[in-house]
């Protein structure tokens, strides 16, 4: 079954914002998988509905890191295939609405990103913001909730693993980590993952809540796993390492190898609130 076969394009496809030729709000990859882990990719896509005229910015800008997490979708799909796991990937750009932010937060629909003005996000009414939430944000998050419920009904309490990527430099400073592991209170996945990646023969430089921290913003993980007591963490991979198919495949294989060992521990698949 291909991604095209399993794209969920419910009633949103006929809505005022999403046209019949636009992508769906999310893609469900490997929908029949029952391995007790769900992969998610909040910033998988740079797409914007045709009706929204690229939010008033150039196509080249959407191709940059402000529009999406470069390489994250490719890693997520490859990792899901390596692990025979299910994945939910967002269908639209983070500039349209950020799936990893609380609705209503100013950073949810940013008026500017990395000093780039987003004209289509300025002076929005509350109704316009709610429309975006209803048509793009909630369908993605409902898909995650449904996938977790499916896995849980068919086996052990599932883990949630989120894939992001980060720019090699920010504000004039080089970010030399190869990968970072982000977590908040639940250490069950994060600490073994950090240890295994740091112990890997390739000599990776691994960030512990770097270059971002899971203690700051982790809406998706907190909403779907933290509240439910399910094991969870996120990774941030440096974008230049996964911007090609070969780079994405390499990191998918590395993550599949280390996650297999972690997820094989039965004690991981329990409900624990921290």
C-alpha atoms as a PDB file:
ATOM      1  CA  UNK A   1       0.000   0.000   0.000  1.00  0.00           C
ATOM      2  CA  UNK A   2       1.464   3.371  -1.032  1.00  0.00           C
ATOM      3  CA  UNK A   3       1.324   6.721   0.727  1.00  0.00           C
ATOM      4  CA  UNK A   4      -1.080   7.874  -1.979  1.00  0.00           C
ATOM      5  CA  UNK A   5      -3.433   5.032  -1.066  1.00  0.00           C
ATOM      6  CA  UNK A   6      -3.517   5.980   2.576  1.00  0.00           C
ATOM      7  CA  UNK A   7      -3.564   9.781   2.518  1.00  0.00           C
ATOM      8  CA  UNK A   8      -6.493  10.886   4.630  1.00  0.00           C
ATOM      9  CA  UNK A   9      -8.444  13.555   2.763  1.00  0.00           C
ATOM     10  CA  UNK A  10     -11.725  13.720   4.632  1.00  0.00           C
ATOM     11  CA  UNK A  11     -14.191  16.594   4.409  1.00  0.00           C
ATOM     12  CA  UNK A  12     -11.356  19.137   4.750  1.00  0.00           C
ATOM     13  CA  UNK A  13     -10.611  18.661   1.036  1.00  0.00           C
ATOM     14  CA  UNK A  14     -13.753  20.615   0.128  1.00  0.00           C
ATOM     15  CA  UNK A  15     -13.234  23.367   2.685  1.00  0.00           C
ATOM     16  CA  UNK A  16     -12.626  27.045   1.870  1.00  0.00           C
ATOM     17  CA  UNK A  17      -8.872  26.737   2.494  1.00  0.00           C
ATOM     18  CA  UNK A  18      -8.048  23.269   1.156  1.00  0.00           C
ATOM     19  CA  UNK A  19      -8.889  22.791  -2.505  1.00  0.00           C
ATOM     20  CA  UNK A  20      -9.362  19.508  -4.395  1.00  0.00           C
ATOM     21  CA  UNK A  21      -5.804  19.631  -5.761  1.00  0.00           C
ATOM     22  CA  UNK A  22      -4.181  20.428  -2.415  1.00  0.00           C
ATOM     23  CA  UNK A  23      -2.638  17.778  -0.163  1.00  0.00           C
ATOM     24  CA  UNK A  24      -4.450  16.406   2.855  1.00  0.00           C
ATOM     25  CA  UNK A  25      -3.650  17.672   6.381  1.00  0.00           C
ATOM     26  CA  UNK A  26      -1.672  14.514   7.164  1.00  0.00           C
ATOM     27  CA  UNK A  27      -0.326  11.290   5.715  1.00  0.00           C
ATOM     28  CA  UNK A  28      -0.564   7.957   7.508  1.00  0.00           C
ATOM     29  CA  UNK A  29       2.382   5.738   6.571  1.00  0.00           C
ATOM     30  CA  UNK A  30       2.305   1.968   7.178  1.00  0.00           C
ATOM     31  CA  UNK A  31      -1.267   2.097   8.536  1.00  0.00           C
ATOM     32  CA  UNK A  32      -1.462  -1.631   9.211  1.00  0.00           C
ATOM     33  CA  UNK A  33       1.634  -1.733  11.427  1.00  0.00           C
ATOM     34  CA  UNK A  34       1.216  -2.910  15.007  1.00  0.00           C
ATOM     35  CA  UNK A  35       4.788  -2.504  16.284  1.00  0.00           C
ATOM     36  CA  UNK A  36       4.316  -0.638  19.603  1.00  0.00           C
ATOM     37  CA  UNK A  37       5.814   2.683  18.538  1.00  0.00           C
ATOM     38  CA  UNK A  38       4.357   5.581  16.571  1.00  0.00           C
ATOM     39  CA  UNK A  39       6.609   7.920  14.619  1.00  0.00           C
ATOM     40  CA  UNK A  40       5.434  11.486  14.051  1.00  0.00           C
ATOM     41  CA  UNK A  41       6.786  14.354  11.967  1.00  0.00           C
ATOM     42  CA  UNK A  42       5.264  17.717  12.901  1.00  0.00           C
ATOM     43  CA  UNK A  43       7.153  19.725  10.265  1.00  0.00           C
ATOM     44  CA  UNK A  44       7.238  17.226   7.407  1.00  0.00           C
ATOM     45  CA  UNK A  45       5.909  19.470   4.635  1.00  0.00           C
ATOM     46  CA  UNK A  46       6.465  22.878   3.058  1.00  0.00           C
ATOM     47  CA  UNK A  47       3.080  22.849   1.282  1.00  0.00           C
ATOM     48  CA  UNK A  48       0.611  25.741   1.387  1.00  0.00           C
ATOM     49  CA  UNK A  49      -2.889  25.571  -0.148  1.00  0.00           C
ATOM     50  CA  UNK A  50      -3.112  27.187  -3.566  1.00  0.00           C
ATOM     51  CA  UNK A  51      -5.778  29.565  -2.289  1.00  0.00           C
ATOM     52  CA  UNK A  52      -3.305  31.092   0.175  1.00  0.00           C
ATOM     53  CA  UNK A  53      -0.707  32.267  -2.378  1.00  0.00           C
ATOM     54  CA  UNK A  54       2.311  30.942  -0.449  1.00  0.00           C
ATOM     55  CA  UNK A  55       1.355  33.237   2.455  1.00  0.00           C
ATOM     56  CA  UNK A  56       2.805  36.116   0.458  1.00  0.00           C
ATOM     57  CA  UNK A  57       6.378  34.805   0.488  1.00  0.00           C
ATOM     58  CA  UNK A  58       8.576  33.414  -2.280  1.00  0.00           C
ATOM     59  CA  UNK A  59       8.685  29.707  -3.048  1.00  0.00           C
ATOM     60  CA  UNK A  60      12.407  29.827  -2.290  1.00  0.00           C
ATOM     61  CA  UNK A  61      11.615  30.932   1.264  1.00  0.00           C
ATOM     62  CA  UNK A  62       9.270  27.995   1.818  1.00  0.00           C
ATOM     63  CA  UNK A  63      12.123  25.722   0.748  1.00  0.00           C
ATOM     64  CA  UNK A  64      14.257  27.014   3.628  1.00  0.00           C
ATOM     65  CA  UNK A  65      14.251  25.748   7.210  1.00  0.00           C
ATOM     66  CA  UNK A  66      11.580  28.280   8.154  1.00  0.00           C
ATOM     67  CA  UNK A  67       9.074  26.453   5.952  1.00  0.00           C
ATOM     68  CA  UNK A  68       9.710  22.902   7.133  1.00  0.00           C
ATOM     69  CA  UNK A  69      12.224  20.591   8.773  1.00  0.00           C
ATOM     70  CA  UNK A  70      14.470  19.735   5.839  1.00  0.00           C
ATOM     71  CA  UNK A  71      14.981  15.972   5.548  1.00  0.00           C
ATOM     72  CA  UNK A  72      12.686  15.085   8.442  1.00  0.00           C
ATOM     73  CA  UNK A  73       9.926  13.512   6.350  1.00  0.00           C
ATOM     74  CA  UNK A  74      12.412  11.388   4.409  1.00  0.00           C
ATOM     75  CA  UNK A  75      14.028  10.137   7.621  1.00  0.00           C
ATOM     76  CA  UNK A  76      10.621   9.430   9.168  1.00  0.00           C
ATOM     77  CA  UNK A  77       9.387   7.346   6.229  1.00  0.00           C
ATOM     78  CA  UNK A  78      12.638   5.420   5.948  1.00  0.00           C
ATOM     79  CA  UNK A  79      12.752   4.815   9.697  1.00  0.00           C
ATOM     80  CA  UNK A  80       9.148   3.605   9.664  1.00  0.00           C
ATOM     81  CA  UNK A  81      10.021   1.178   6.890  1.00  0.00           C
ATOM     82  CA  UNK A  82      13.155  -0.043   8.684  1.00  0.00           C
ATOM     83  CA  UNK A  83      11.126  -0.694  11.841  1.00  0.00           C
ATOM     84  CA  UNK A  84       7.875  -1.818  10.171  1.00  0.00           C
ATOM     85  CA  UNK A  85       6.265   0.952  12.215  1.00  0.00           C
ATOM     86  CA  UNK A  86       3.389   3.365  11.663  1.00  0.00           C
ATOM     87  CA  UNK A  87       4.053   7.058  11.086  1.00  0.00           C
ATOM     88  CA  UNK A  88       1.924  10.205  10.917  1.00  0.00           C
ATOM     89  CA  UNK A  89       3.368  13.076   8.896  1.00  0.00           C
ATOM     90  CA  UNK A  90       1.988  16.612   8.705  1.00  0.00           C
ATOM     91  CA  UNK A  91       0.714  17.714   5.317  1.00  0.00           C
ATOM     92  CA  UNK A  92       1.378  21.460   5.461  1.00  0.00           C
ATOM     93  CA  UNK A  93       4.072  23.998   6.257  1.00  0.00           C
ATOM     94  CA  UNK A  94       4.817  25.020   9.811  1.00  0.00           C
ATOM     95  CA  UNK A  95       4.316  28.629   8.661  1.00  0.00           C
ATOM     96  CA  UNK A  96       0.644  27.956   7.969  1.00  0.00           C
ATOM     97  CA  UNK A  97       0.230  26.691  11.525  1.00  0.00           C
ATOM     98  CA  UNK A  98       2.821  25.018  13.719  1.00  0.00           C
ATOM     99  CA  UNK A  99       1.665  21.567  14.781  1.00  0.00           C
ATOM    100  CA  UNK A 100       4.070  21.622  17.719  1.00  0.00           C
ATOM    101  CA  UNK A 101       2.644  24.738  19.373  1.00  0.00           C
ATOM    102  CA  UNK A 102      -0.385  25.366  21.538  1.00  0.00           C
ATOM    103  CA  UNK A 103      -3.159  26.965  19.440  1.00  0.00           C
ATOM    104  CA  UNK A 104      -3.411  30.637  20.309  1.00  0.00           C
ATOM    105  CA  UNK A 105       0.279  30.977  21.155  1.00  0.00           C
ATOM    106  CA  UNK A 106       1.736  33.779  18.980  1.00  0.00           C
ATOM    107  CA  UNK A 107       4.311  31.324  17.620  1.00  0.00           C
ATOM    108  CA  UNK A 108       1.532  29.018  16.439  1.00  0.00           C
ATOM    109  CA  UNK A 109       0.863  31.206  13.372  1.00  0.00           C
ATOM    110  CA  UNK A 110       4.002  33.357  13.252  1.00  0.00           C
ATOM    111  CA  UNK A 111       3.917  36.857  11.789  1.00  0.00           C
ATOM    112  CA  UNK A 112       7.668  36.471  11.227  1.00  0.00           C
ATOM    113  CA  UNK A 113      10.092  33.564  11.326  1.00  0.00           C
ATOM    114  CA  UNK A 114      13.874  33.909  11.627  1.00  0.00           C
ATOM    115  CA  UNK A 115      13.492  37.616  10.754  1.00  0.00           C
ATOM    116  CA  UNK A 116      11.443  36.818   7.625  1.00  0.00           C
ATOM    117  CA  UNK A 117       8.079  38.603   7.510  1.00  0.00           C
ATOM    118  CA  UNK A 118       5.125  36.329   6.661  1.00  0.00           C
ATOM    119  CA  UNK A 119       2.507  38.680   5.123  1.00  0.00           C
ATOM    120  CA  UNK A 120      -0.214  36.022   5.012  1.00  0.00           C
ATOM    121  CA  UNK A 121       0.004  35.588   8.781  1.00  0.00           C
ATOM    122  CA  UNK A 122      -0.348  39.230   9.744  1.00  0.00           C
ATOM    123  CA  UNK A 123      -3.516  40.826  11.114  1.00  0.00           C
ATOM    124  CA  UNK A 124      -5.506  37.598  11.093  1.00  0.00           C
ATOM    125  CA  UNK A 125      -8.881  37.623  12.797  1.00  0.00           C
ATOM    126  CA  UNK A 126      -9.609  35.072  15.489  1.00  0.00           C
ATOM    127  CA  UNK A 127     -12.014  33.349  13.092  1.00  0.00           C
ATOM    128  CA  UNK A 128      -9.257  33.007  10.481  1.00  0.00           C
ATOM    129  CA  UNK A 129      -6.908  31.541  13.069  1.00  0.00           C
ATOM    130  CA  UNK A 130      -9.584  29.086  14.220  1.00  0.00           C
ATOM    131  CA  UNK A 131     -10.169  28.064  10.591  1.00  0.00           C
ATOM    132  CA  UNK A 132      -6.502  27.109  10.248  1.00  0.00           C
ATOM    133  CA  UNK A 133      -6.594  25.215  13.508  1.00  0.00           C
ATOM    134  CA  UNK A 134      -9.706  23.302  12.483  1.00  0.00           C
ATOM    135  CA  UNK A 135      -8.548  22.483   8.958  1.00  0.00           C
ATOM    136  CA  UNK A 136      -4.838  21.748   9.406  1.00  0.00           C
ATOM    137  CA  UNK A 137      -3.874  21.363  13.066  1.00  0.00           C
ATOM    138  CA  UNK A 138      -6.633  19.209  14.552  1.00  0.00           C
ATOM    139  CA  UNK A 139      -6.838  16.681  11.695  1.00  0.00           C
ATOM    140  CA  UNK A 140      -3.124  15.953  12.169  1.00  0.00           C
ATOM    141  CA  UNK A 141      -3.446  15.601  15.925  1.00  0.00           C
ATOM    142  CA  UNK A 142      -6.614  13.521  15.680  1.00  0.00           C
ATOM    143  CA  UNK A 143      -4.696  11.178  13.374  1.00  0.00           C
ATOM    144  CA  UNK A 144      -1.968  10.802  15.998  1.00  0.00           C
ATOM    145  CA  UNK A 145      -4.533  10.089  18.717  1.00  0.00           C
ATOM    146  CA  UNK A 146      -6.284   7.519  16.525  1.00  0.00           C
ATOM    147  CA  UNK A 147      -3.003   5.815  15.644  1.00  0.00           C
ATOM    148  CA  UNK A 148      -1.954   5.563  19.290  1.00  0.00           C
ATOM    149  CA  UNK A 149      -5.353   4.109  20.182  1.00  0.00           C
ATOM    150  CA  UNK A 150      -5.056   1.565  17.359  1.00  0.00           C
ATOM    151  CA  UNK A 151      -1.616   0.422  18.499  1.00  0.00           C
ATOM    152  CA  UNK A 152      -2.658   0.252  22.139  1.00  0.00           C
ATOM    153  CA  UNK A 153      -5.757  -1.796  21.345  1.00  0.00           C
ATOM    154  CA  UNK A 154      -3.600  -4.270  19.459  1.00  0.00           C
ATOM    155  CA  UNK A 155      -0.703  -4.678  21.877  1.00  0.00           C
ATOM    156  CA  UNK A 156       1.481  -3.022  24.477  1.00  0.00           C
ATOM    157  CA  UNK A 157       1.246   0.641  25.464  1.00  0.00           C
ATOM    158  CA  UNK A 158       3.037   2.277  22.515  1.00  0.00           C
ATOM    159  CA  UNK A 159       5.963   4.671  22.565  1.00  0.00           C
ATOM    160  CA  UNK A 160       5.869   7.986  20.697  1.00  0.00           C
ATOM    161  CA  UNK A 161       8.940   9.139  18.753  1.00  0.00           C
ATOM    162  CA  UNK A 162       9.095  12.527  17.032  1.00  0.00           C
ATOM    163  CA  UNK A 163      11.522  13.423  14.229  1.00  0.00           C
ATOM    164  CA  UNK A 164      12.771  16.980  13.679  1.00  0.00           C
ATOM    165  CA  UNK A 165      15.813  18.572  12.037  1.00  0.00           C
ATOM    166  CA  UNK A 166      17.814  21.720  12.812  1.00  0.00           C
ATOM    167  CA  UNK A 167      19.962  24.175  10.871  1.00  0.00           C
ATOM    168  CA  UNK A 168      23.778  23.843  11.008  1.00  0.00           C
ATOM    169  CA  UNK A 169      24.044  27.471  12.163  1.00  0.00           C
ATOM    170  CA  UNK A 170      21.764  29.941  13.912  1.00  0.00           C
ATOM    171  CA  UNK A 171      22.368  33.610  14.688  1.00  0.00           C
ATOM    172  CA  UNK A 172      25.921  33.354  13.401  1.00  0.00           C
ATOM    173  CA  UNK A 173      26.850  30.400  15.612  1.00  0.00           C
ATOM    174  CA  UNK A 174      27.697  26.935  14.338  1.00  0.00           C
ATOM    175  CA  UNK A 175      25.728  24.068  15.842  1.00  0.00           C
ATOM    176  CA  UNK A 176      28.112  21.147  15.816  1.00  0.00           C
ATOM    177  CA  UNK A 177      25.892  18.404  17.216  1.00  0.00           C
ATOM    178  CA  UNK A 178      25.085  15.622  14.790  1.00  0.00           C
ATOM    179  CA  UNK A 179      21.855  14.866  16.608  1.00  0.00           C
ATOM    180  CA  UNK A 180      20.043  15.968  19.741  1.00  0.00           C
ATOM    181  CA  UNK A 181      17.628  14.043  21.940  1.00  0.00           C
ATOM    182  CA  UNK A 182      14.803  16.114  23.422  1.00  0.00           C
ATOM    183  CA  UNK A 183      12.847  15.114  26.492  1.00  0.00           C
ATOM    184  CA  UNK A 184      11.056  16.599  29.474  1.00  0.00           C
ATOM    185  CA  UNK A 185      10.257  14.494  32.553  1.00  0.00           C
ATOM    186  CA  UNK A 186      10.047  10.924  31.244  1.00  0.00           C
ATOM    187  CA  UNK A 187      13.600   9.524  30.827  1.00  0.00           C
ATOM    188  CA  UNK A 188      12.696   6.014  29.688  1.00  0.00           C
ATOM    189  CA  UNK A 189      13.456   6.448  26.000  1.00  0.00           C
ATOM    190  CA  UNK A 190      15.656   9.527  26.024  1.00  0.00           C
ATOM    191  CA  UNK A 191      18.451   8.467  28.368  1.00  0.00           C
ATOM    192  CA  UNK A 192      19.075   5.047  26.762  1.00  0.00           C
ATOM    193  CA  UNK A 193      18.931   6.699  23.336  1.00  0.00           C
ATOM    194  CA  UNK A 194      21.503   9.319  24.309  1.00  0.00           C
ATOM    195  CA  UNK A 195      23.777   6.620  25.736  1.00  0.00           C
ATOM    196  CA  UNK A 196      23.510   4.356  22.704  1.00  0.00           C
ATOM    197  CA  UNK A 197      24.107   7.177  20.231  1.00  0.00           C
ATOM    198  CA  UNK A 198      27.114   8.486  22.170  1.00  0.00           C
ATOM    199  CA  UNK A 199      28.518   4.960  22.416  1.00  0.00           C
ATOM    200  CA  UNK A 200      28.117   4.333  18.701  1.00  0.00           C
ATOM    201  CA  UNK A 201      31.308   3.639  16.810  1.00  0.00           C
ATOM    202  CA  UNK A 202      30.810   6.628  14.507  1.00  0.00           C
ATOM    203  CA  UNK A 203      31.657   9.070  17.302  1.00  0.00           C
ATOM    204  CA  UNK A 204      28.504  11.151  17.083  1.00  0.00           C
ATOM    205  CA  UNK A 205      28.230  14.406  18.985  1.00  0.00           C
ATOM    206  CA  UNK A 206      24.873  13.983  20.722  1.00  0.00           C
ATOM    207  CA  UNK A 207      22.988  16.790  22.429  1.00  0.00           C
ATOM    208  CA  UNK A 208      21.018  16.174  25.615  1.00  0.00           C
ATOM    209  CA  UNK A 209      18.175  18.682  25.164  1.00  0.00           C
ATOM    210  CA  UNK A 210      20.334  20.528  22.639  1.00  0.00           C
ATOM    211  CA  UNK A 211      20.135  22.451  20.340  1.00  0.00           C
ATOM    212  CA  UNK A 212      16.560  22.727  21.652  1.00  0.00           C
ATOM    213  CA  UNK A 213      15.053  21.507  24.900  1.00  0.00           C
ATOM    214  CA  UNK A 214      12.056  19.257  25.347  1.00  0.00           C
ATOM    215  CA  UNK A 215      11.476  21.073  28.624  1.00  0.00           C
ATOM    216  CA  UNK A 216      10.554  24.238  26.702  1.00  0.00           C
ATOM    217  CA  UNK A 217       8.230  23.387  23.812  1.00  0.00           C
ATOM    218  CA  UNK A 218       7.037  19.863  23.099  1.00  0.00           C
ATOM    219  CA  UNK A 219       3.320  20.197  22.443  1.00  0.00           C
ATOM    220  CA  UNK A 220       2.872  17.002  20.434  1.00  0.00           C
ATOM    221  CA  UNK A 221       4.771  14.768  22.839  1.00  0.00           C
ATOM    222  CA  UNK A 222       3.158  16.297  25.914  1.00  0.00           C
ATOM    223  CA  UNK A 223      -0.342  16.128  24.448  1.00  0.00           C
ATOM    224  CA  UNK A 224      -0.267  12.573  23.153  1.00  0.00           C
ATOM    225  CA  UNK A 225       2.256  10.763  25.347  1.00  0.00           C
ATOM    226  CA  UNK A 226       3.173  12.737  28.457  1.00  0.00           C
ATOM    227  CA  UNK A 227      -0.419  13.104  29.625  1.00  0.00           C
ATOM    228  CA  UNK A 228      -1.103   9.428  28.951  1.00  0.00           C
ATOM    229  CA  UNK A 229       2.032   8.183  30.706  1.00  0.00           C
ATOM    230  CA  UNK A 230       3.454   6.694  27.501  1.00  0.00           C
ATOM    231  CA  UNK A 231       7.216   6.603  26.850  1.00  0.00           C
ATOM    232  CA  UNK A 232       8.350   9.281  24.417  1.00  0.00           C
ATOM    233  CA  UNK A 233      11.120  11.539  23.156  1.00  0.00           C
ATOM    234  CA  UNK A 234      12.131  13.523  20.080  1.00  0.00           C
ATOM    235  CA  UNK A 235      15.264  13.798  18.005  1.00  0.00           C
ATOM    236  CA  UNK A 236      16.683  16.797  16.169  1.00  0.00           C
ATOM    237  CA  UNK A 237      19.080  15.817  13.357  1.00  0.00           C
ATOM    238  CA  UNK A 238      21.331  18.399  11.711  1.00  0.00           C
ATOM    239  CA  UNK A 239      19.805  19.233   8.352  1.00  0.00           C
ATOM    240  CA  UNK A 240      22.945  19.017   6.237  1.00  0.00           C
ATOM    241  CA  UNK A 241      23.289  15.372   7.315  1.00  0.00           C
ATOM    242  CA  UNK A 242      19.847  14.344   6.013  1.00  0.00           C
ATOM    243  CA  UNK A 243      19.256  16.657   3.040  1.00  0.00           C
ATOM    244  CA  UNK A 244      20.033  13.854   0.554  1.00  0.00           C
ATOM    245  CA  UNK A 245      18.413  10.406   0.191  1.00  0.00           C
ATOM    246  CA  UNK A 246      21.656   8.697   1.200  1.00  0.00           C
ATOM    247  CA  UNK A 247      21.981  10.848   4.318  1.00  0.00           C
ATOM    248  CA  UNK A 248      18.372  10.234   5.302  1.00  0.00           C
ATOM    249  CA  UNK A 249      18.811   6.493   4.799  1.00  0.00           C
ATOM    250  CA  UNK A 250      21.998   6.456   6.885  1.00  0.00           C
ATOM    251  CA  UNK A 251      20.333   8.147   9.851  1.00  0.00           C
ATOM    252  CA  UNK A 252      17.201   6.051   9.530  1.00  0.00           C
ATOM    253  CA  UNK A 253      19.345   2.927   9.772  1.00  0.00           C
ATOM    254  CA  UNK A 254      21.240   4.266  12.794  1.00  0.00           C
ATOM    255  CA  UNK A 255      18.030   5.181  14.616  1.00  0.00           C
ATOM    256  CA  UNK A 256      16.348   1.893  13.726  1.00  0.00           C
ATOM    257  CA  UNK A 257      19.305   0.009  15.172  1.00  0.00           C
ATOM    258  CA  UNK A 258      19.352   1.803  18.514  1.00  0.00           C
ATOM    259  CA  UNK A 259      15.580   2.097  18.878  1.00  0.00           C
ATOM    260  CA  UNK A 260      15.123  -1.613  18.251  1.00  0.00           C
ATOM    261  CA  UNK A 261      17.123  -2.401  21.388  1.00  0.00           C
ATOM    262  CA  UNK A 262      15.289   0.191  23.476  1.00  0.00           C
ATOM    263  CA  UNK A 263      11.817  -0.805  22.316  1.00  0.00           C
ATOM    264  CA  UNK A 264      12.575  -4.479  22.932  1.00  0.00           C
ATOM    265  CA  UNK A 265      12.570  -3.850  26.682  1.00  0.00           C
ATOM    266  CA  UNK A 266       9.122  -4.940  27.891  1.00  0.00           C
ATOM    267  CA  UNK A 267       9.386  -2.713  30.957  1.00  0.00           C
ATOM    268  CA  UNK A 268       9.428   0.314  28.654  1.00  0.00           C
ATOM    269  CA  UNK A 269       5.885  -0.372  27.496  1.00  0.00           C
ATOM    270  CA  UNK A 270       4.105   0.582  30.687  1.00  0.00           C
ATOM    271  CA  UNK A 271       2.087   3.591  31.770  1.00  0.00           C
ATOM    272  CA  UNK A 272       4.152   5.842  34.033  1.00  0.00           C
ATOM    273  CA  UNK A 273       3.398   9.451  34.956  1.00  0.00           C
ATOM    274  CA  UNK A 274       6.355  11.672  35.834  1.00  0.00           C
END
